[in-house]
Amino acid sequence: MNPGSDLDSLPILDTPDKIVVHAYAALISELLYIAINTVPQLSYSMSSLTRYMSKATPAHLTYAKVVLRYLIGIKKRQLTRCGQRVSLPHILGEILAFVDSSWADDKNNRRSFMAYYLFVNNAIFSWRATLSQIIALSTTEAELMALAGCCCEIVWARKLALELGFPQLNHMHLRGRSKHIALRVCFIQKLIQDGLINVKQCPTAAQTAYIGTKALPRVPFEKFTNQLLGNKHVGDK
């Protein structure tokens, strides 16, 4: 999607054209399959576009075709799986995660976009960008909710690694979801105390997850895309 793309400002018809809606849903379904499996840099765009599956207009279909044209232009690019040496901020065999959140930028209900990207040995293996289920009252609360969601994914990844025979220094069982901000804080604190995660502040210029929270200009978009695809060491400036 183009920088500054605002799908919320597009008019919604009381009676959507069924032909347009069908064509839009079919295209988004195909794009979503590709984005989920091989194109992490499109996580924000697809998260935004999927919200209009049942009420799409020709304008929404035009935005979806922009994503399709982008995919055609990068069809020779691919994810790199451990194709480079492991260097800082990576540590061999350990999970490196980037997580970020916007704040109240959904004009319909003021929910926030949250995104996380997980790497191991300089290769991305899990990613997600989505609207939060709860309205955050501050940027701090929005980022805490995003961090809690990322921590859940890290705990799951560690448990999967343990089941596959890769020893973990510490491990825990996780069930259900925390819905209150105080519980999320306690959850994160417990993971830190148990040595399961180490949380560090990351400046925007080096925050790979920034690509999953909003439509970016071309230069930072390409920079973070290269990091996600393994064309450049994650964390490099």
Protein backbone atom coordinates (compact mmCIF):
# COMPACT_ATOMS: atom_id res chain seq x y z
CA MET A 1 0.00 0.00 0.00
CA ASN A 2 1.11 3.53 -0.69
CA PRO A 3 2.41 5.72 2.15
CA GLY A 4 -0.45 7.38 3.94
CA SER A 5 -3.05 4.99 2.55
CA ASP A 6 -6.26 5.50 4.52
CA LEU A 7 -8.80 2.78 3.79
CA ASP A 8 -11.07 4.06 6.58
CA SER A 9 -11.73 7.23 4.59
CA LEU A 10 -13.10 5.33 1.59
CA PRO A 11 -16.91 5.49 1.28
CA ILE A 12 -18.85 2.34 2.16
CA LEU A 13 -22.00 1.57 0.17
CA ASP A 14 -25.23 0.62 1.95
CA THR A 15 -25.70 -2.12 -0.64
CA PRO A 16 -22.30 -3.31 -1.86
CA ASP A 17 -21.95 -4.62 -5.42
CA LYS A 18 -21.92 -8.42 -5.06
CA ILE A 19 -19.66 -8.83 -8.09
CA VAL A 20 -17.08 -6.43 -6.63
CA VAL A 21 -17.31 -8.04 -3.20
CA HIS A 22 -16.82 -11.51 -4.69
CA ALA A 23 -13.85 -10.41 -6.80
CA TYR A 24 -12.31 -8.60 -3.82
CA ALA A 25 -12.76 -11.56 -1.48
CA ALA A 26 -11.25 -13.96 -4.01
CA LEU A 27 -8.21 -11.73 -4.58
CA ILE A 28 -7.65 -11.03 -0.88
CA SER A 29 -7.85 -14.74 -0.07
CA GLU A 30 -5.07 -15.49 -2.55
CA LEU A 31 -2.96 -12.54 -1.38
CA LEU A 32 -3.46 -13.48 2.25
CA TYR A 33 -2.18 -17.01 1.66
CA ILE A 34 0.99 -15.62 0.08
CA ALA A 35 1.51 -12.96 2.75
CA ILE A 36 1.05 -15.36 5.67
CA ASN A 37 3.50 -17.89 4.30
CA THR A 38 6.22 -16.02 2.43
CA VAL A 39 5.85 -12.22 2.42
CA PRO A 40 6.08 -10.82 5.98
CA GLN A 41 6.45 -7.22 4.77
CA LEU A 42 2.80 -7.28 3.66
CA SER A 43 1.42 -8.12 7.10
CA TYR A 44 0.14 -4.58 7.72
CA SER A 45 -1.38 -4.17 4.26
CA MET A 46 -3.20 -7.49 4.44
CA SER A 47 -4.40 -6.86 7.97
CA SER A 48 -5.95 -3.61 6.73
CA LEU A 49 -7.45 -5.02 3.53
CA THR A 50 -9.08 -8.06 5.14
CA ARG A 51 -11.35 -5.80 7.20
CA TYR A 52 -13.45 -5.04 4.11
CA MET A 53 -14.15 -8.52 2.81
CA SER A 54 -17.95 -8.14 2.97
CA LYS A 55 -18.24 -4.42 2.13
CA ALA A 56 -15.61 -3.80 -0.51
CA THR A 57 -16.05 -1.14 -3.16
CA PRO A 58 -14.18 -0.63 -6.46
CA ALA A 59 -11.81 1.69 -4.53
CA HIS A 60 -10.91 -1.12 -2.11
CA LEU A 61 -10.36 -3.45 -5.06
CA THR A 62 -7.96 -0.90 -6.53
CA TYR A 63 -5.89 -0.94 -3.32
CA ALA A 64 -5.82 -4.74 -3.42
CA LYS A 65 -4.51 -4.64 -6.99
CA VAL A 66 -1.68 -2.36 -5.82
CA VAL A 67 -0.55 -5.20 -3.54
CA LEU A 68 -0.85 -7.64 -6.44
CA ARG A 69 1.34 -5.43 -8.65
CA TYR A 70 3.88 -5.22 -5.83
CA LEU A 71 4.05 -9.01 -5.62
CA ILE A 72 4.58 -9.25 -9.37
CA GLY A 73 7.49 -6.84 -9.05
CA ILE A 74 9.22 -8.90 -6.31
CA LYS A 75 8.50 -12.39 -7.62
CA LYS A 76 12.23 -13.19 -7.81
CA ARG A 77 12.88 -12.21 -4.20
CA GLN A 78 12.70 -14.85 -1.50
CA LEU A 79 13.05 -15.45 2.22
CA THR A 80 16.55 -16.41 3.34
CA ARG A 81 16.65 -19.30 5.78
CA CYS A 82 19.89 -19.17 7.79
CA GLY A 83 21.74 -18.10 4.67
CA GLN A 84 23.99 -15.63 6.48
CA ARG A 85 26.35 -15.75 9.41
CA VAL A 86 24.78 -15.21 12.80
CA SER A 87 25.92 -11.93 14.34
CA LEU A 88 24.64 -9.47 16.92
CA PRO A 89 21.92 -8.78 17.81
CA HIS A 90 21.42 -12.49 17.01
CA ILE A 91 22.71 -15.20 19.30
CA LEU A 92 23.02 -18.69 17.87
CA GLY A 93 19.96 -20.77 18.70
CA GLU A 94 18.10 -17.99 20.53
CA ILE A 95 14.90 -16.25 19.45
CA LEU A 96 15.13 -12.56 18.55
CA ALA A 97 11.80 -10.73 18.41
CA PHE A 98 10.82 -7.24 17.29
CA VAL A 99 7.46 -5.92 18.50
CA ASP A 100 5.82 -2.54 17.99
CA SER A 101 2.44 -0.86 18.22
CA SER A 102 0.72 2.22 16.89
CA TRP A 103 -1.86 3.98 19.03
CA ALA A 104 -5.55 4.58 18.31
CA ASP A 105 -5.01 5.00 14.56
CA ASP A 106 -8.12 3.05 13.52
CA LYS A 107 -10.59 5.88 12.89
CA ASN A 108 -13.66 3.66 13.25
CA ASN A 109 -13.06 2.41 16.80
CA ARG A 110 -9.65 3.81 17.81
CA ARG A 111 -8.00 0.44 18.19
CA SER A 112 -4.25 0.13 17.67
CA PHE A 113 -2.20 -1.87 15.19
CA MET A 114 0.22 -4.34 16.77
CA ALA A 115 2.98 -6.26 15.02
CA TYR A 116 5.71 -8.71 15.92
CA TYR A 117 8.38 -10.58 13.96
CA LEU A 118 10.34 -13.52 15.38
CA PHE A 119 13.78 -14.62 14.15
CA VAL A 120 16.13 -17.47 14.95
CA ASN A 121 19.66 -17.66 13.54
CA ASN A 122 19.01 -14.56 11.42
CA ALA A 123 15.93 -16.11 9.75
CA ILE A 124 12.32 -15.05 10.30
CA PHE A 125 9.95 -17.86 11.24
CA SER A 126 6.84 -16.20 12.68
CA TRP A 127 5.12 -12.86 12.16
CA ARG A 128 1.81 -11.13 12.68
CA ALA A 129 0.21 -7.69 12.32
CA THR A 130 -3.30 -7.12 13.61
CA LEU A 131 -5.65 -4.68 15.27
CA SER A 132 -5.79 -4.99 19.05
CA GLN A 133 -8.98 -6.38 20.54
CA ILE A 134 -8.96 -3.77 23.32
CA ILE A 135 -8.84 0.02 23.04
CA ALA A 136 -5.60 1.26 24.61
CA LEU A 137 -5.82 4.43 26.68
CA SER A 138 -2.19 5.39 26.07
CA THR A 139 0.79 4.53 23.91
CA THR A 140 2.31 2.68 26.87
CA GLU A 141 -0.77 0.49 27.22
CA ALA A 142 -0.82 -0.20 23.46
CA GLU A 143 2.84 -1.27 23.51
CA LEU A 144 2.33 -3.44 26.59
CA MET A 145 -0.52 -5.28 24.87
CA ALA A 146 1.65 -5.78 21.80
CA LEU A 147 4.54 -7.05 23.94
CA ALA A 148 2.25 -9.46 25.78
CA GLY A 149 1.02 -10.88 22.46
CA CYS A 150 4.59 -11.28 21.26
CA CYS A 151 5.56 -12.99 24.53
CA CYS A 152 2.77 -15.53 24.04
CA GLU A 153 4.20 -16.36 20.62
CA ILE A 154 7.72 -16.67 22.07
CA VAL A 155 6.51 -19.06 24.78
CA TRP A 156 4.76 -21.15 22.13
CA ALA A 157 7.90 -21.20 19.95
CA ARG A 158 10.06 -22.29 22.88
CA LYS A 159 7.63 -25.05 23.74
CA LEU A 160 7.61 -26.24 20.12
CA ALA A 161 11.43 -26.24 20.06
CA LEU A 162 11.43 -28.32 23.24
CA GLU A 163 9.03 -30.85 21.71
CA LEU A 164 11.28 -31.08 18.65
CA GLY A 165 14.24 -31.98 20.85
CA PHE A 166 15.96 -28.62 21.26
CA PRO A 167 16.68 -28.07 24.98
CA GLN A 168 15.40 -24.85 26.57
CA LEU A 169 16.99 -23.32 29.65
CA ASN A 170 13.58 -22.46 31.07
CA HIS A 171 10.09 -23.26 29.91
CA MET A 172 6.52 -22.71 31.05
CA HIS A 173 2.97 -23.65 30.10
CA LEU A 174 0.65 -20.92 28.84
CA ARG A 175 -3.12 -21.17 28.71
CA GLY A 176 -5.78 -18.62 27.87
CA ARG A 177 -5.50 -14.87 27.34
CA SER A 178 -4.99 -11.98 29.74
CA LYS A 179 -7.56 -9.26 29.12
CA HIS A 180 -6.61 -6.68 31.73
CA ILE A 181 -3.56 -4.47 31.40
CA ALA A 182 -2.40 -5.27 34.94
CA LEU A 183 -2.41 -8.99 34.17
CA ARG A 184 -0.38 -8.34 31.03
CA VAL A 185 2.22 -6.43 33.04
CA CYS A 186 2.45 -9.25 35.58
CA PHE A 187 2.70 -11.79 32.78
CA ILE A 188 5.60 -9.95 31.16
CA GLN A 189 7.34 -9.41 34.50
CA LYS A 190 7.06 -13.14 35.29
CA LEU A 191 8.67 -14.06 31.95
CA ILE A 192 11.53 -11.64 32.62
CA GLN A 193 12.05 -12.95 36.15
CA ASP A 194 12.07 -16.55 34.90
CA GLY A 195 14.71 -15.68 32.31
CA LEU A 196 12.45 -16.53 29.37
CA ILE A 197 12.70 -13.12 27.73
CA ASN A 198 14.98 -10.09 27.84
CA VAL A 199 13.20 -6.87 26.88
CA LYS A 200 15.20 -4.00 25.36
CA GLN A 201 14.14 -0.67 23.93
CA CYS A 202 14.65 -0.34 20.19
CA PRO A 203 14.87 3.02 18.36
CA THR A 204 12.43 3.52 15.49
CA ALA A 205 15.22 3.54 12.89
CA ALA A 206 16.16 -0.02 13.90
CA GLN A 207 12.66 -1.25 14.84
CA THR A 208 11.89 -3.91 12.25
CA ALA A 209 8.33 -4.34 13.56
CA TYR A 210 7.57 -0.74 12.60
CA ILE A 211 6.71 -2.03 9.13
CA GLY A 212 3.71 -3.86 10.58
CA THR A 213 2.05 -0.88 12.26
CA LYS A 214 1.50 1.60 9.43
CA ALA A 215 2.03 2.33 5.74
CA LEU A 216 5.65 3.46 5.40
CA PRO A 217 7.47 5.55 2.78
CA ARG A 218 9.49 3.60 0.23
CA VAL A 219 12.96 3.95 1.82
CA PRO A 220 12.15 2.62 5.31
CA PHE A 221 9.78 0.05 3.81
CA GLU A 222 12.57 -1.38 1.62
CA LYS A 223 15.03 -1.26 4.52
CA PHE A 224 12.81 -3.28 6.85
CA THR A 225 11.77 -5.59 4.00
CA ASN A 226 15.42 -6.51 3.40
CA GLN A 227 15.78 -7.30 7.10
CA LEU A 228 12.67 -9.48 7.11
CA LEU A 229 13.76 -11.40 4.02
CA GLY A 230 17.25 -11.96 5.34
CA ASN A 231 19.01 -9.72 2.80
CA LYS A 232 20.61 -7.73 5.62
CA HIS A 233 21.38 -8.49 9.24
CA VAL A 234 18.44 -7.65 11.47
CA GLY A 235 19.26 -4.65 13.61
CA ASP A 236 21.75 -3.16 11.16
CA LYS A 237 21.28 0.51 10.40
